[in-house]
């Protein structure tokens, strides 16, 4: 329901504007804004916002839009993200060792990179993993395909990487029995 007195005030003001009886506007030299534009202090905003976050939960009005960014994420997401990055680096290292011992790269995209340069392979792998993790942490509160929260997908990626490292270690050891997962 609209406020009738507010709409009446606006109509009165418009009527006064049209009749020429409204108060004159302030002079052009009058500036209400501060001299320093706060958007120019980028590093101050980053530091201040890091220690004084305002948006810890989605917006108050959830029906405003479907995307609700926050400034503050849970600490366990940092731990999962660092774990995935460390396991990804270990995977790259163990892949290089296994390739030196005669194994073959199964992933066709990575095979192109690993056979050219191991450094390029490792850099590309870490960049793609890092970018994916940042995006998944950013969207951690949302549901993947409206079924499972992205936060739980991060935990699943961590578990899959742990299983992959165990498998690569088993391959490197050369034992006849597969590792217990």
Protein backbone atom coordinates (compact mmCIF):
# COMPACT_ATOMS: atom_id res chain seq x y z
CA UNK A 1 0.00 0.00 0.00
CA UNK A 2 1.43 3.37 -0.99
CA UNK A 3 1.70 6.26 1.38
CA UNK A 4 -1.00 8.72 0.25
CA UNK A 5 0.54 11.73 1.99
CA UNK A 6 3.89 11.11 0.28
CA UNK A 7 2.33 10.89 -3.17
CA UNK A 8 0.33 14.05 -2.41
CA UNK A 9 3.57 15.86 -1.41
CA UNK A 10 5.25 14.76 -4.64
CA UNK A 11 2.27 15.94 -6.70
CA UNK A 12 2.27 19.27 -4.80
CA UNK A 13 5.97 19.71 -5.46
CA UNK A 14 5.51 18.91 -9.15
CA UNK A 15 2.62 21.34 -9.30
CA UNK A 16 4.75 24.04 -7.65
CA UNK A 17 7.52 23.34 -10.16
CA UNK A 18 5.10 23.72 -13.06
CA UNK A 19 3.58 26.91 -11.65
CA UNK A 20 7.00 28.38 -10.89
CA UNK A 21 6.27 28.78 -7.17
CA UNK A 22 8.71 26.12 -5.93
CA UNK A 23 11.82 27.13 -4.00
CA UNK A 24 14.77 27.86 -6.29
CA UNK A 25 17.40 25.15 -6.58
CA UNK A 26 20.77 25.62 -4.85
CA UNK A 27 23.45 27.37 -6.91
CA UNK A 28 25.60 25.23 -9.20
CA UNK A 29 28.68 25.86 -7.05
CA UNK A 30 26.97 24.26 -4.04
CA UNK A 31 28.28 20.70 -3.59
CA UNK A 32 26.73 18.41 -1.00
CA UNK A 33 29.12 15.52 -1.54
CA UNK A 34 32.39 15.13 0.30
CA UNK A 35 35.52 16.26 -1.50
CA UNK A 36 37.18 12.81 -1.23
CA UNK A 37 35.37 10.16 -3.24
CA UNK A 38 35.28 7.02 -1.09
CA UNK A 39 35.44 4.80 -4.17
CA UNK A 40 38.99 6.00 -4.88
CA UNK A 41 40.37 4.53 -1.65
CA UNK A 42 40.47 0.93 -2.86
CA UNK A 43 43.07 -0.53 -0.49
CA UNK A 44 41.54 1.20 2.52
CA UNK A 45 38.15 -0.26 1.58
CA UNK A 46 39.62 -3.75 1.18
CA UNK A 47 41.40 -3.62 4.54
CA UNK A 48 38.50 -2.01 6.37
CA UNK A 49 35.98 -4.41 4.83
CA UNK A 50 38.17 -7.40 5.70
CA UNK A 51 38.13 -6.62 9.41
CA UNK A 52 34.65 -5.06 9.59
CA UNK A 53 32.44 -7.08 7.26
CA UNK A 54 28.87 -5.90 6.86
CA UNK A 55 27.24 -8.72 4.92
CA UNK A 56 27.64 -11.96 6.85
CA UNK A 57 24.31 -13.37 5.63
CA UNK A 58 22.30 -12.88 2.45
CA UNK A 59 20.23 -9.74 2.06
CA UNK A 60 17.36 -9.02 4.41
CA UNK A 61 14.88 -9.02 1.58
CA UNK A 62 15.46 -12.34 -0.13
CA UNK A 63 12.97 -11.57 -2.87
CA UNK A 64 15.00 -8.60 -4.21
CA UNK A 65 17.22 -10.76 -6.38
CA UNK A 66 18.43 -14.32 -6.66
CA UNK A 67 22.09 -13.54 -6.01
CA UNK A 68 23.05 -12.45 -2.49
CA UNK A 69 26.78 -11.83 -2.06
CA UNK A 70 28.31 -11.83 1.40
CA UNK A 71 31.52 -10.32 2.76
CA UNK A 72 32.33 -12.97 5.35
CA UNK A 73 32.64 -16.70 4.71
CA UNK A 74 32.89 -19.56 7.20
CA UNK A 75 36.34 -20.60 8.40
CA UNK A 76 35.77 -24.22 7.43
CA UNK A 77 35.53 -23.14 3.78
CA UNK A 78 39.06 -21.78 4.06
CA UNK A 79 40.29 -25.07 5.50
CA UNK A 80 38.59 -27.10 2.76
CA UNK A 81 39.93 -24.75 0.07
CA UNK A 82 43.51 -24.93 1.35
CA UNK A 83 43.19 -28.72 1.63
CA UNK A 84 42.03 -29.00 -1.98
CA UNK A 85 44.88 -26.77 -3.19
CA UNK A 86 47.47 -28.79 -1.27
CA UNK A 87 46.09 -32.08 -2.57
CA UNK A 88 46.05 -30.64 -6.09
CA UNK A 89 49.72 -29.73 -5.79
CA UNK A 90 50.47 -33.22 -4.45
CA UNK A 91 48.53 -34.69 -7.39
CA UNK A 92 50.62 -32.69 -9.86
CA UNK A 93 53.83 -33.82 -8.14
CA UNK A 94 52.82 -37.49 -8.01
CA UNK A 95 51.63 -37.35 -11.63
CA UNK A 96 55.05 -36.10 -12.73
CA UNK A 97 56.76 -38.88 -10.76
CA UNK A 98 54.43 -41.55 -12.17
CA UNK A 99 54.99 -40.30 -15.71
CA UNK A 100 58.74 -40.57 -15.15
CA UNK A 101 58.19 -44.21 -14.12
CA UNK A 102 56.28 -45.04 -17.30
CA UNK A 103 52.64 -44.24 -16.48
CA UNK A 104 50.41 -42.47 -19.00
CA UNK A 105 48.24 -39.38 -18.47
CA UNK A 106 44.58 -40.31 -18.95
CA UNK A 107 43.17 -36.76 -19.11
CA UNK A 108 43.55 -35.66 -22.76
CA UNK A 109 43.69 -31.92 -21.94
CA UNK A 110 46.37 -32.39 -19.31
CA UNK A 111 48.24 -34.90 -21.48
CA UNK A 112 48.87 -32.18 -24.07
CA UNK A 113 50.35 -29.93 -21.39
CA UNK A 114 52.27 -32.51 -19.36
CA UNK A 115 54.15 -33.93 -22.34
CA UNK A 116 55.23 -30.44 -23.44
CA UNK A 117 56.30 -29.02 -20.11
CA UNK A 118 55.72 -30.21 -16.57
CA UNK A 119 55.97 -26.62 -15.29
CA UNK A 120 53.22 -25.49 -17.66
CA UNK A 121 51.13 -28.49 -16.63
CA UNK A 122 51.51 -27.68 -12.93
CA UNK A 123 50.84 -23.96 -13.40
CA UNK A 124 47.71 -24.62 -15.49
CA UNK A 125 46.46 -27.23 -13.03
CA UNK A 126 46.92 -24.95 -10.01
CA UNK A 127 45.38 -21.95 -11.80
CA UNK A 128 42.30 -23.89 -12.85
CA UNK A 129 41.90 -25.48 -9.43
CA UNK A 130 42.36 -22.14 -7.66
CA UNK A 131 39.87 -20.31 -9.88
CA UNK A 132 37.33 -23.10 -9.46
CA UNK A 133 37.70 -23.08 -5.69
CA UNK A 134 37.30 -19.31 -5.47
CA UNK A 135 34.11 -19.52 -7.53
CA UNK A 136 32.76 -22.40 -5.44
CA UNK A 137 33.48 -20.59 -2.15
CA UNK A 138 31.81 -17.48 -3.57
CA UNK A 139 28.71 -19.57 -4.35
CA UNK A 140 28.91 -21.83 -1.27
CA UNK A 141 25.42 -20.93 -0.02
CA UNK A 142 23.73 -21.86 -3.29
CA UNK A 143 22.52 -25.20 -4.53
CA UNK A 144 24.09 -27.02 -7.46
CA UNK A 145 21.27 -27.96 -9.86
CA UNK A 146 18.85 -27.06 -7.03
CA UNK A 147 19.73 -30.26 -5.23
CA UNK A 148 22.96 -30.06 -3.23
CA UNK A 149 24.64 -27.06 -1.67
CA UNK A 150 27.90 -26.03 -3.34
CA UNK A 151 29.54 -26.14 0.11
CA UNK A 152 29.01 -29.91 0.16
CA UNK A 153 30.38 -30.19 -3.37
CA UNK A 154 33.61 -28.67 -2.00
CA UNK A 155 33.76 -31.41 0.63
CA UNK A 156 33.18 -34.02 -2.09
CA UNK A 157 36.02 -32.56 -4.19
CA UNK A 158 38.31 -32.77 -1.13
CA UNK A 159 37.36 -36.43 -0.61
CA UNK A 160 37.90 -37.28 -4.29
CA UNK A 161 41.32 -35.63 -4.25
CA UNK A 162 42.25 -37.58 -1.11
CA UNK A 163 41.19 -40.83 -2.82
CA UNK A 164 43.17 -39.86 -5.94
CA UNK A 165 46.31 -39.21 -3.88
CA UNK A 166 45.88 -42.59 -2.16
CA UNK A 167 45.52 -44.28 -5.56
CA UNK A 168 48.59 -42.52 -6.98
CA UNK A 169 50.59 -43.47 -3.89
CA UNK A 170 49.44 -47.07 -4.31
CA UNK A 171 50.51 -46.99 -7.97
CA UNK A 172 53.88 -45.54 -6.99
CA UNK A 173 54.43 -48.21 -4.34
CA UNK A 174 53.58 -50.92 -6.83
CA UNK A 175 51.84 -53.23 -4.38
CA UNK A 176 49.41 -55.83 -5.63
CA UNK A 177 46.52 -54.89 -3.35
CA UNK A 178 44.58 -51.64 -3.91
CA UNK A 179 44.56 -49.15 -1.03
CA UNK A 180 41.70 -49.08 1.46
CA UNK A 181 39.60 -45.98 0.86
